[in-house]
Amino acid sequence: MRALYVATNAVIAPSLGRALSGGAANATIDLLKPGIYFDPFTQIDFRAAKTFTVGSTQIQGLFDIYNLFNDNTPLNFQTAYGTSGVGWAQPTAALPGRVLRFGVQVNF
């Protein structure tokens, strides 16, 4: 996880005693130490299949469930801290919801 604070030249100059070098208008500062992570997630998928033989043809019925327990763990977060921290660490993407799929495979 990151917390990026964009400090403008006007904020930095008083404590630094000079303007930023190279004519930079701002500096991006990472507020957290590297290695801070959120809890891992587990997505469970399930498949059931049944094969039927008709003559020399095999017909296989398929049933899949993706994200069986409908976990909605966040995957991406807002990393910009801004000046007040509003919106920081809000989820921007999550695991997709439960999906069901039916299928048939024919081998001849």
C-alpha atoms as a PDB file:
ATOM      1  CA  MET A   1       0.000   0.000   0.000  1.00  0.00           C
ATOM      2  CA  ARG A   2       1.188   3.468  -0.720  1.00  0.00           C
ATOM      3  CA  ALA A   3       0.298   6.961   0.493  1.00  0.00           C
ATOM      4  CA  LEU A   4       1.615   9.506  -1.974  1.00  0.00           C
ATOM      5  CA  TYR A   5       1.599  13.143  -0.883  1.00  0.00           C
ATOM      6  CA  VAL A   6       2.313  15.761  -3.544  1.00  0.00           C
ATOM      7  CA  ALA A   7       3.949  18.686  -1.755  1.00  0.00           C
ATOM      8  CA  THR A   8       4.028  21.940  -3.676  1.00  0.00           C
ATOM      9  CA  ASN A   9       7.015  24.258  -3.778  1.00  0.00           C
ATOM     10  CA  ALA A  10       5.085  26.716  -1.583  1.00  0.00           C
ATOM     11  CA  VAL A  11       4.738  24.071   1.159  1.00  0.00           C
ATOM     12  CA  ILE A  12       8.345  22.859   1.011  1.00  0.00           C
ATOM     13  CA  ALA A  13      10.237  26.152   0.549  1.00  0.00           C
ATOM     14  CA  PRO A  14       9.682  27.598   4.087  1.00  0.00           C
ATOM     15  CA  SER A  15      11.129  24.540   5.863  1.00  0.00           C
ATOM     16  CA  LEU A  16      13.837  23.912   3.246  1.00  0.00           C
ATOM     17  CA  GLY A  17      14.911  27.546   3.124  1.00  0.00           C
ATOM     18  CA  ARG A  18      14.970  27.578  -0.686  1.00  0.00           C
ATOM     19  CA  ALA A  19      12.911  26.578  -3.693  1.00  0.00           C
ATOM     20  CA  LEU A  20      13.023  23.053  -5.079  1.00  0.00           C
ATOM     21  CA  SER A  21      15.962  22.450  -7.392  1.00  0.00           C
ATOM     22  CA  GLY A  22      15.623  22.087 -11.134  1.00  0.00           C
ATOM     23  CA  GLY A  23      12.589  24.362 -11.279  1.00  0.00           C
ATOM     24  CA  ALA A  24      10.308  21.606 -10.006  1.00  0.00           C
ATOM     25  CA  ALA A  25       6.851  22.807  -9.010  1.00  0.00           C
ATOM     26  CA  ASN A  26       6.239  19.963  -6.561  1.00  0.00           C
ATOM     27  CA  ALA A  27       7.703  16.819  -5.012  1.00  0.00           C
ATOM     28  CA  THR A  28       5.966  13.476  -4.495  1.00  0.00           C
ATOM     29  CA  ILE A  29       6.600  11.998  -1.046  1.00  0.00           C
ATOM     30  CA  ASP A  30       5.741   8.404  -0.048  1.00  0.00           C
ATOM     31  CA  LEU A  31       4.347   8.608   3.504  1.00  0.00           C
ATOM     32  CA  LEU A  32       4.464   4.869   4.291  1.00  0.00           C
ATOM     33  CA  LYS A  33       7.391   2.505   4.587  1.00  0.00           C
ATOM     34  CA  PRO A  34       7.639  -0.152   1.871  1.00  0.00           C
ATOM     35  CA  GLY A  35       6.240  -3.538   2.820  1.00  0.00           C
ATOM     36  CA  ILE A  36       2.835  -2.522   4.210  1.00  0.00           C
ATOM     37  CA  TYR A  37       0.226  -4.826   2.677  1.00  0.00           C
ATOM     38  CA  PHE A  38      -3.443  -5.608   3.123  1.00  0.00           C
ATOM     39  CA  ASP A  39      -4.700  -9.094   3.947  1.00  0.00           C
ATOM     40  CA  PRO A  40      -4.548 -11.624   1.120  1.00  0.00           C
ATOM     41  CA  PHE A  41      -7.744 -12.901  -0.462  1.00  0.00           C
ATOM     42  CA  THR A  42      -8.912 -16.313  -1.539  1.00  0.00           C
ATOM     43  CA  GLN A  43     -11.172 -16.895  -4.507  1.00  0.00           C
ATOM     44  CA  ILE A  44     -12.723 -20.357  -4.662  1.00  0.00           C
ATOM     45  CA  ASP A  45     -13.953 -21.707  -8.011  1.00  0.00           C
ATOM     46  CA  PHE A  46     -15.974 -24.918  -8.490  1.00  0.00           C
ATOM     47  CA  ARG A  47     -16.503 -27.171 -11.514  1.00  0.00           C
ATOM     48  CA  ALA A  48     -18.731 -30.211 -11.992  1.00  0.00           C
ATOM     49  CA  ALA A  49     -18.657 -32.289 -15.163  1.00  0.00           C
ATOM     50  CA  LYS A  50     -20.432 -35.429 -16.318  1.00  0.00           C
ATOM     51  CA  THR A  51     -19.537 -37.410 -19.444  1.00  0.00           C
ATOM     52  CA  PHE A  52     -22.093 -39.423 -21.401  1.00  0.00           C
ATOM     53  CA  THR A  53     -21.179 -41.788 -24.238  1.00  0.00           C
ATOM     54  CA  VAL A  54     -23.588 -42.151 -27.153  1.00  0.00           C
ATOM     55  CA  GLY A  55     -22.167 -44.599 -29.706  1.00  0.00           C
ATOM     56  CA  SER A  56     -18.678 -43.323 -30.486  1.00  0.00           C
ATOM     57  CA  THR A  57     -19.527 -39.766 -29.418  1.00  0.00           C
ATOM     58  CA  GLN A  58     -18.745 -38.398 -25.953  1.00  0.00           C
ATOM     59  CA  ILE A  59     -20.895 -35.575 -24.612  1.00  0.00           C
ATOM     60  CA  GLN A  60     -19.697 -33.771 -21.520  1.00  0.00           C
ATOM     61  CA  GLY A  61     -21.969 -31.452 -19.524  1.00  0.00           C
ATOM     62  CA  LEU A  62     -20.162 -28.725 -17.583  1.00  0.00           C
ATOM     63  CA  PHE A  63     -21.188 -26.508 -14.686  1.00  0.00           C
ATOM     64  CA  ASP A  64     -18.801 -23.854 -13.314  1.00  0.00           C
ATOM     65  CA  ILE A  65     -19.124 -21.428 -10.434  1.00  0.00           C
ATOM     66  CA  TYR A  66     -16.500 -18.687 -10.194  1.00  0.00           C
ATOM     67  CA  ASN A  67     -16.031 -16.896  -6.845  1.00  0.00           C
ATOM     68  CA  LEU A  68     -18.136 -19.525  -5.059  1.00  0.00           C
ATOM     69  CA  PHE A  69     -18.405 -17.624  -1.755  1.00  0.00           C
ATOM     70  CA  ASN A  70     -19.003 -14.265  -3.487  1.00  0.00           C
ATOM     71  CA  ASP A  71     -15.929 -12.657  -1.892  1.00  0.00           C
ATOM     72  CA  ASN A  72     -15.694  -8.914  -2.595  1.00  0.00           C
ATOM     73  CA  THR A  73     -12.120  -8.272  -1.458  1.00  0.00           C
ATOM     74  CA  PRO A  74     -10.690  -4.987  -2.790  1.00  0.00           C
ATOM     75  CA  LEU A  75      -7.876  -5.423  -5.324  1.00  0.00           C
ATOM     76  CA  ASN A  76      -6.734  -1.820  -5.938  1.00  0.00           C
ATOM     77  CA  PHE A  77      -6.783   1.242  -3.725  1.00  0.00           C
ATOM     78  CA  GLN A  78      -6.497   4.999  -4.144  1.00  0.00           C
ATOM     79  CA  THR A  79      -2.832   5.788  -3.377  1.00  0.00           C
ATOM     80  CA  ALA A  80      -2.921   9.600  -3.627  1.00  0.00           C
ATOM     81  CA  TYR A  81      -2.998  11.065  -0.114  1.00  0.00           C
ATOM     82  CA  GLY A  82      -3.637  14.634  -1.224  1.00  0.00           C
ATOM     83  CA  THR A  83      -3.432  17.432   1.348  1.00  0.00           C
ATOM     84  CA  SER A  84      -6.098  16.145   3.755  1.00  0.00           C
ATOM     85  CA  GLY A  85      -6.083  12.375   3.214  1.00  0.00           C
ATOM     86  CA  VAL A  86      -9.677  12.356   2.015  1.00  0.00           C
ATOM     87  CA  GLY A  87     -10.236   9.409  -0.303  1.00  0.00           C
ATOM     88  CA  TRP A  88      -6.906   7.748   0.474  1.00  0.00           C
ATOM     89  CA  ALA A  89      -7.051   3.918   0.599  1.00  0.00           C
ATOM     90  CA  GLN A  90     -10.564   3.799  -0.852  1.00  0.00           C
ATOM     91  CA  PRO A  91     -11.038   0.698  -3.030  1.00  0.00           C
ATOM     92  CA  THR A  92     -11.017   1.331  -6.773  1.00  0.00           C
ATOM     93  CA  ALA A  93     -11.469  -2.308  -7.881  1.00  0.00           C
ATOM     94  CA  ALA A  94     -12.770  -5.492  -6.256  1.00  0.00           C
ATOM     95  CA  LEU A  95     -13.162  -9.147  -7.133  1.00  0.00           C
ATOM     96  CA  PRO A  96     -16.043  -9.647  -9.564  1.00  0.00           C
ATOM     97  CA  GLY A  97     -19.188 -11.196  -8.131  1.00  0.00           C
ATOM     98  CA  ARG A  98     -20.236 -14.830  -8.370  1.00  0.00           C
ATOM     99  CA  VAL A  99     -20.546 -16.096 -11.948  1.00  0.00           C
ATOM    100  CA  LEU A 100     -22.324 -19.270 -13.090  1.00  0.00           C
ATOM    101  CA  ARG A 101     -21.518 -20.947 -16.401  1.00  0.00           C
ATOM    102  CA  PHE A 102     -23.101 -23.919 -18.140  1.00  0.00           C
ATOM    103  CA  GLY A 103     -21.467 -25.659 -21.081  1.00  0.00           C
ATOM    104  CA  VAL A 104     -21.429 -28.718 -23.308  1.00  0.00           C
ATOM    105  CA  GLN A 105     -18.416 -30.310 -24.972  1.00  0.00           C
ATOM    106  CA  VAL A 106     -18.895 -32.852 -27.761  1.00  0.00           C
ATOM    107  CA  ASN A 107     -16.068 -35.168 -28.883  1.00  0.00           C
ATOM    108  CA  PHE A 108     -16.621 -37.285 -32.009  1.00  0.00           C
END
